[in-house]
Amino acid sequence: MISKEQFDKEVAGIISNAIREDVGDGDHSSLACIPKDAKGKAKLLVKDNGVIAGIEFSKMVFDFVDKDLIFDNKLNDGSEVAYGDIAFYIEGSSRSILKAERLVLNAMQRMSAIATKTKSFVDLLEGTSTKILDTRKTTPGIRALEKWAVTIGGGENHRFALYDMIMLKDNHIDFAGGITKAIDKTKSYLKETGRDLKIILEARDLNEIKEILKSDGVYRILIDNFNYEDTKEAVRLIGDRCLTESSGGITEETIRKYANCGVDYISSGALTHSVYNMDLSLKAV
């Protein structure tokens, strides 16, 4: 995983780019009818049920737009919310509040949806030793926010991007000439470049599991699109040689059954690519 410093840099870049994209050479709607010295107060109103996420991010947005704005949070990220709850109040320059409004709402609605979805998966895994992971199936440009939301919902992050972990999937293996060649080439690359990156291998069947196990240094095996029986057998074959991860079309209806096969992790792209935004509004008070 990337460092906190790298993650914070990603978030700061998201804020800067989003404000640039939205404001351009000025918020002319506000400039046209709101006096420069006008002060106001607004509340973030929850109009849905679920897990709230993005409160800390919103504070960062308001601070970026105007350091004199006063942010008063009434809830914390990860709190379960219901219709009518108030997440925070923001007070200060009316122009500044309006300038930040859309970015705050867009981010919080999406992050809250992801946190809510993740929490539902976490609840389904309760009582097992299996943990839920996200994937790289994220919205371009805001991956840091979506992965942040997964952790708020109780999940864990997979690799952040292509640079912080080696993940050899079917195409890598086929282009490299097979599993063993892919592993050997990867180990040589890491040694030559002085990089210390964990290696994950995707397996398409039990024979590929057996071949992967002939090599040392694999951190986790991705048991991809296996049925329940083959997943159990894969877990048995792997034992404590490395960690195990199930993936491939796993849903809320099947996740518990895969967890009961004994895998350490289950990864799901649905956490980030198949959610409906939580209904939130920023209202003047």
Protein backbone atom coordinates (compact mmCIF):
# COMPACT_ATOMS: atom_id res chain seq x y z
CA MET A 1 0.00 0.00 0.00
CA ILE A 2 1.03 3.58 -0.50
CA SER A 3 2.27 5.68 2.41
CA LYS A 4 0.09 8.15 4.30
CA GLU A 5 2.15 10.96 2.76
CA GLN A 6 1.39 9.68 -0.74
CA PHE A 7 -2.28 9.21 0.10
CA ASP A 8 -2.59 12.74 1.51
CA LYS A 9 -0.94 14.08 -1.64
CA GLU A 10 -3.50 12.23 -3.77
CA VAL A 11 -6.39 13.72 -1.76
CA ALA A 12 -4.93 17.23 -1.95
CA GLY A 13 -4.61 16.84 -5.71
CA ILE A 14 -8.25 15.75 -5.99
CA ILE A 15 -9.42 18.85 -4.13
CA SER A 16 -7.27 21.24 -6.14
CA ASN A 17 -8.30 19.75 -9.48
CA ALA A 18 -11.98 19.53 -8.58
CA ILE A 19 -12.15 23.19 -7.52
CA ARG A 20 -10.29 24.19 -10.70
CA GLU A 21 -12.74 22.17 -12.78
CA ASP A 22 -15.84 23.55 -11.06
CA VAL A 23 -14.95 27.19 -10.40
CA GLY A 24 -12.78 28.13 -13.37
CA ASP A 25 -12.39 31.91 -13.46
CA GLY A 26 -15.08 32.43 -10.85
CA ASP A 27 -18.38 31.35 -9.33
CA HIS A 28 -20.28 34.00 -11.25
CA SER A 29 -23.67 32.95 -9.83
CA SER A 30 -22.50 33.90 -6.35
CA LEU A 31 -20.41 36.85 -7.50
CA ALA A 32 -23.44 38.29 -9.23
CA CYS A 33 -25.84 38.34 -6.28
CA ILE A 34 -24.01 37.64 -3.01
CA PRO A 35 -22.17 40.60 -1.42
CA LYS A 36 -18.47 40.03 -0.82
CA ASP A 37 -18.83 40.50 2.94
CA ALA A 38 -22.01 38.40 3.33
CA LYS A 39 -21.89 35.76 6.04
CA GLY A 40 -23.96 32.61 6.20
CA LYS A 41 -24.43 29.24 7.83
CA ALA A 42 -25.43 25.90 6.33
CA LYS A 43 -26.00 22.34 7.47
CA LEU A 44 -25.32 19.02 5.80
CA LEU A 45 -28.69 17.27 5.90
CA VAL A 46 -28.92 13.48 5.57
CA LYS A 47 -31.92 12.34 3.52
CA ASP A 48 -31.18 8.63 3.45
CA ASN A 49 -30.11 5.70 5.62
CA GLY A 50 -26.65 4.18 5.69
CA VAL A 51 -23.07 4.92 6.73
CA ILE A 52 -21.84 8.50 6.42
CA ALA A 53 -18.43 9.09 4.86
CA GLY A 54 -16.52 12.13 3.65
CA ILE A 55 -16.91 14.39 6.66
CA GLU A 56 -13.16 14.75 7.15
CA PHE A 57 -12.73 15.23 3.42
CA SER A 58 -15.36 17.98 3.44
CA LYS A 59 -13.50 19.77 6.20
CA MET A 60 -10.40 19.68 3.99
CA VAL A 61 -12.38 21.11 1.06
CA PHE A 62 -13.79 23.99 3.07
CA ASP A 63 -10.34 24.71 4.49
CA PHE A 64 -8.87 24.74 0.98
CA VAL A 65 -11.51 27.19 -0.24
CA ASP A 66 -11.46 29.47 2.80
CA LYS A 67 -9.43 28.90 5.96
CA ASP A 68 -11.72 31.27 7.88
CA LEU A 69 -14.78 29.03 7.51
CA ILE A 70 -15.90 27.43 10.78
CA PHE A 71 -16.60 23.70 10.48
CA ASP A 72 -18.66 22.09 13.26
CA ASN A 73 -19.12 18.35 12.75
CA LYS A 74 -22.00 16.65 14.56
CA LEU A 75 -21.20 13.17 13.24
CA ASN A 76 -18.00 11.31 12.42
CA ASP A 77 -17.06 9.26 9.39
CA GLY A 78 -18.41 5.74 9.82
CA SER A 79 -21.48 6.77 11.82
CA GLU A 80 -24.73 5.06 10.88
CA VAL A 81 -27.23 7.70 9.82
CA ALA A 82 -30.94 8.05 9.14
CA TYR A 83 -33.14 10.55 7.36
CA GLY A 84 -33.06 13.92 9.11
CA ASP A 85 -29.63 13.60 10.73
CA ILE A 86 -27.26 16.57 10.48
CA ALA A 87 -23.65 15.69 9.72
CA PHE A 88 -22.11 19.13 10.20
CA TYR A 89 -22.61 22.89 10.16
CA ILE A 90 -20.42 25.26 8.16
CA GLU A 91 -20.31 29.00 8.86
CA GLY A 92 -18.58 32.01 7.33
CA SER A 93 -18.39 33.67 3.93
CA SER A 94 -21.53 32.82 1.97
CA ARG A 95 -19.55 32.91 -1.28
CA SER A 96 -17.01 30.44 0.06
CA ILE A 97 -19.67 28.03 1.27
CA LEU A 98 -21.34 28.07 -2.14
CA LYS A 99 -18.03 27.62 -3.94
CA ALA A 100 -17.30 24.42 -1.99
CA GLU A 101 -20.87 23.08 -1.93
CA ARG A 102 -20.91 20.89 -5.05
CA LEU A 103 -17.55 19.23 -4.44
CA VAL A 104 -18.53 18.46 -0.84
CA LEU A 105 -21.87 16.96 -1.89
CA ASN A 106 -20.52 14.99 -4.85
CA ALA A 107 -17.77 13.46 -2.74
CA MET A 108 -19.86 12.74 0.35
CA GLN A 109 -22.74 11.21 -1.60
CA ARG A 110 -20.39 8.80 -3.39
CA MET A 111 -18.20 8.05 -0.39
CA SER A 112 -21.22 7.39 1.82
CA ALA A 113 -22.68 5.01 -0.76
CA ILE A 114 -19.41 3.07 -0.89
CA ALA A 115 -19.07 2.99 2.90
CA THR A 116 -22.66 1.75 3.18
CA LYS A 117 -22.10 -0.98 0.59
CA THR A 118 -18.87 -2.04 2.25
CA LYS A 119 -20.52 -2.21 5.68
CA SER A 120 -23.20 -4.53 4.27
CA PHE A 121 -20.48 -6.90 3.02
CA VAL A 122 -18.60 -6.68 6.32
CA ASP A 123 -21.78 -7.58 8.19
CA LEU A 124 -22.29 -10.61 5.95
CA LEU A 125 -18.79 -11.82 6.88
CA GLU A 126 -19.32 -11.42 10.63
CA GLY A 127 -18.18 -14.50 12.53
CA THR A 128 -15.73 -15.59 9.82
CA SER A 129 -12.02 -14.78 9.57
CA THR A 130 -12.41 -13.46 6.01
CA LYS A 131 -11.90 -9.77 5.24
CA ILE A 132 -13.36 -7.75 2.36
CA LEU A 133 -11.06 -5.96 -0.10
CA ASP A 134 -11.70 -3.35 -2.76
CA THR A 135 -10.15 -3.36 -6.25
CA ARG A 136 -8.83 -0.90 -8.85
CA LYS A 137 -12.31 -0.72 -10.39
CA THR A 138 -12.69 2.86 -9.25
CA THR A 139 -13.77 6.17 -10.78
CA PRO A 140 -10.79 7.72 -12.62
CA GLY A 141 -9.37 10.67 -10.72
CA ILE A 142 -10.96 10.01 -7.31
CA ARG A 143 -9.58 6.58 -6.39
CA ALA A 144 -8.18 7.87 -3.10
CA LEU A 145 -11.64 8.99 -1.97
CA GLU A 146 -13.30 5.72 -2.94
CA LYS A 147 -10.68 3.60 -1.23
CA TRP A 148 -10.89 5.87 1.82
CA ALA A 149 -14.64 5.24 1.89
CA VAL A 150 -14.07 1.47 1.83
CA THR A 151 -11.99 1.70 5.01
CA ILE A 152 -14.64 3.90 6.63
CA GLY A 153 -17.16 1.13 5.92
CA GLY A 154 -14.95 -1.44 7.63
CA GLY A 155 -13.25 -2.95 4.58
CA GLU A 156 -9.58 -3.08 3.66
CA ASN A 157 -7.72 -1.68 0.68
CA HIS A 158 -6.13 -3.87 -1.96
CA ARG A 159 -3.19 -2.33 -3.83
CA PHE A 160 -3.72 1.35 -4.56
CA ALA A 161 -2.43 1.30 -8.12
CA LEU A 162 -0.03 -0.47 -10.47
CA TYR A 163 3.05 0.75 -8.65
CA ASP A 164 2.63 -0.41 -5.06
CA MET A 165 2.22 -4.18 -5.53
CA ILE A 166 2.97 -6.82 -8.16
CA MET A 167 -0.21 -8.56 -9.32
CA LEU A 168 0.28 -11.14 -12.07
CA LYS A 169 -3.06 -11.86 -13.70
CA ASP A 170 -4.00 -14.12 -16.60
CA ASN A 171 -2.70 -11.81 -19.34
CA HIS A 172 0.61 -11.19 -17.56
CA ILE A 173 1.06 -14.95 -17.16
CA ASP A 174 0.17 -15.71 -20.78
CA PHE A 175 2.34 -12.92 -22.20
CA ALA A 176 5.26 -14.01 -19.98
CA GLY A 177 5.06 -17.60 -21.22
CA GLY A 178 3.50 -19.25 -18.19
CA ILE A 179 3.25 -19.07 -14.41
CA THR A 180 6.78 -20.14 -13.47
CA LYS A 181 8.39 -17.86 -16.05
CA ALA A 182 6.24 -14.94 -14.86
CA ILE A 183 7.30 -15.51 -11.24
CA ASP A 184 10.99 -15.92 -12.10
CA LYS A 185 11.01 -12.81 -14.28
CA THR A 186 9.25 -10.84 -11.57
CA LYS A 187 11.75 -11.88 -8.90
CA SER A 188 14.63 -10.91 -11.20
CA TYR A 189 13.02 -7.55 -11.93
CA LEU A 190 12.54 -6.77 -8.25
CA LYS A 191 16.13 -7.72 -7.47
CA GLU A 192 17.54 -5.70 -10.36
CA THR A 193 15.52 -2.61 -9.52
CA GLY A 194 15.88 -2.86 -5.74
CA ARG A 195 12.14 -2.79 -5.19
CA ASP A 196 10.43 -4.47 -2.26
CA LEU A 197 6.94 -5.23 -3.59
CA LYS A 198 4.60 -8.04 -2.59
CA ILE A 199 3.67 -10.54 -5.31
CA ILE A 200 0.12 -11.77 -5.94
CA LEU A 201 -0.61 -14.48 -8.52
CA GLU A 202 -3.97 -15.16 -10.13
CA ALA A 203 -4.90 -18.81 -10.58
CA ARG A 204 -7.57 -19.98 -13.03
CA ASP A 205 -7.76 -23.60 -11.89
CA LEU A 206 -6.32 -26.07 -9.40
CA ASN A 207 -3.45 -27.03 -11.70
CA GLU A 208 -2.30 -23.42 -11.72
CA ILE A 209 -2.51 -23.37 -7.92
CA LYS A 210 -0.17 -26.37 -7.83
CA GLU A 211 2.28 -24.73 -10.22
CA ILE A 212 2.34 -21.48 -8.24
CA LEU A 213 3.15 -23.43 -5.08
CA LYS A 214 6.34 -24.75 -6.68
CA SER A 215 7.81 -21.25 -6.35
CA ASP A 216 8.67 -19.34 -3.18
CA GLY A 217 8.06 -15.67 -2.49
CA VAL A 218 4.39 -15.41 -3.44
CA TYR A 219 2.51 -13.26 -0.94
CA ARG A 220 -1.05 -14.14 -1.93
CA ILE A 221 -2.85 -16.33 -4.45
CA LEU A 222 -5.93 -14.95 -6.15
CA ILE A 223 -8.40 -17.82 -6.50
CA ASP A 224 -10.34 -16.38 -9.41
CA ASN A 225 -13.80 -17.53 -10.53
CA PHE A 226 -13.61 -20.88 -8.70
CA ASN A 227 -16.70 -22.72 -7.52
CA TYR A 228 -17.11 -23.53 -3.82
CA GLU A 229 -15.65 -27.02 -3.93
CA ASP A 230 -12.59 -26.00 -5.91
CA THR A 231 -12.09 -23.00 -3.62
CA LYS A 232 -12.06 -25.32 -0.59
CA GLU A 233 -9.53 -27.57 -2.34
CA ALA A 234 -7.38 -24.58 -3.29
CA VAL A 235 -7.33 -23.40 0.32
CA ARG A 236 -6.35 -26.92 1.43
CA LEU A 237 -3.52 -27.11 -1.12
CA ILE A 238 -2.17 -23.68 -0.22
CA GLY A 239 -2.32 -24.22 3.53
CA ASP A 240 -0.09 -21.70 5.28
CA ARG A 241 2.26 -21.22 2.33
CA CYS A 242 0.71 -17.85 1.55
CA LEU A 243 -2.51 -15.87 1.90
CA THR A 244 -5.61 -16.61 -0.16
CA GLU A 245 -8.10 -14.33 -1.92
CA SER A 246 -11.32 -15.19 -3.71
CA SER A 247 -12.67 -12.98 -6.46
CA GLY A 248 -14.82 -13.00 -9.55
CA GLY A 249 -18.51 -12.17 -9.51
CA ILE A 250 -18.95 -12.69 -5.77
CA THR A 251 -22.21 -11.13 -4.61
CA GLU A 252 -24.02 -10.48 -1.35
CA GLU A 253 -25.80 -13.80 -1.93
CA THR A 254 -22.58 -15.83 -2.34
CA ILE A 255 -20.00 -14.01 -0.22
CA ARG A 256 -20.70 -15.97 2.96
CA LYS A 257 -20.31 -19.29 1.17
CA TYR A 258 -16.93 -18.27 -0.20
CA ALA A 259 -15.84 -17.08 3.23
CA ASN A 260 -16.81 -20.47 4.63
CA CYS A 261 -14.36 -22.05 2.19
CA GLY A 262 -11.62 -20.62 4.41
CA VAL A 263 -10.15 -17.84 2.27
CA ASP A 264 -8.36 -14.97 4.00
CA TYR A 265 -9.79 -12.28 1.73
CA ILE A 266 -12.59 -11.67 -0.72
CA SER A 267 -12.19 -8.84 -3.22
CA SER A 268 -15.15 -7.15 -4.86
CA GLY A 269 -15.26 -4.45 -7.49
CA ALA A 270 -18.92 -3.90 -6.60
CA LEU A 271 -17.85 -1.92 -3.54
CA THR A 272 -16.85 0.96 -5.78
CA HIS A 273 -18.38 0.44 -9.23
CA SER A 274 -21.96 -0.54 -8.34
CA VAL A 275 -23.33 1.89 -5.78
CA TYR A 276 -26.13 4.47 -5.68
CA ASN A 277 -25.25 7.82 -4.16
CA MET A 278 -26.59 8.62 -0.72
CA ASP A 279 -29.09 11.48 -0.75
CA LEU A 280 -27.52 14.48 1.02
CA SER A 281 -28.18 18.23 0.87
CA LEU A 282 -26.38 21.35 2.03
CA LYS A 283 -29.06 23.73 3.28
CA ALA A 284 -28.81 27.31 4.54
CA VAL A 285 -29.91 27.82 8.14
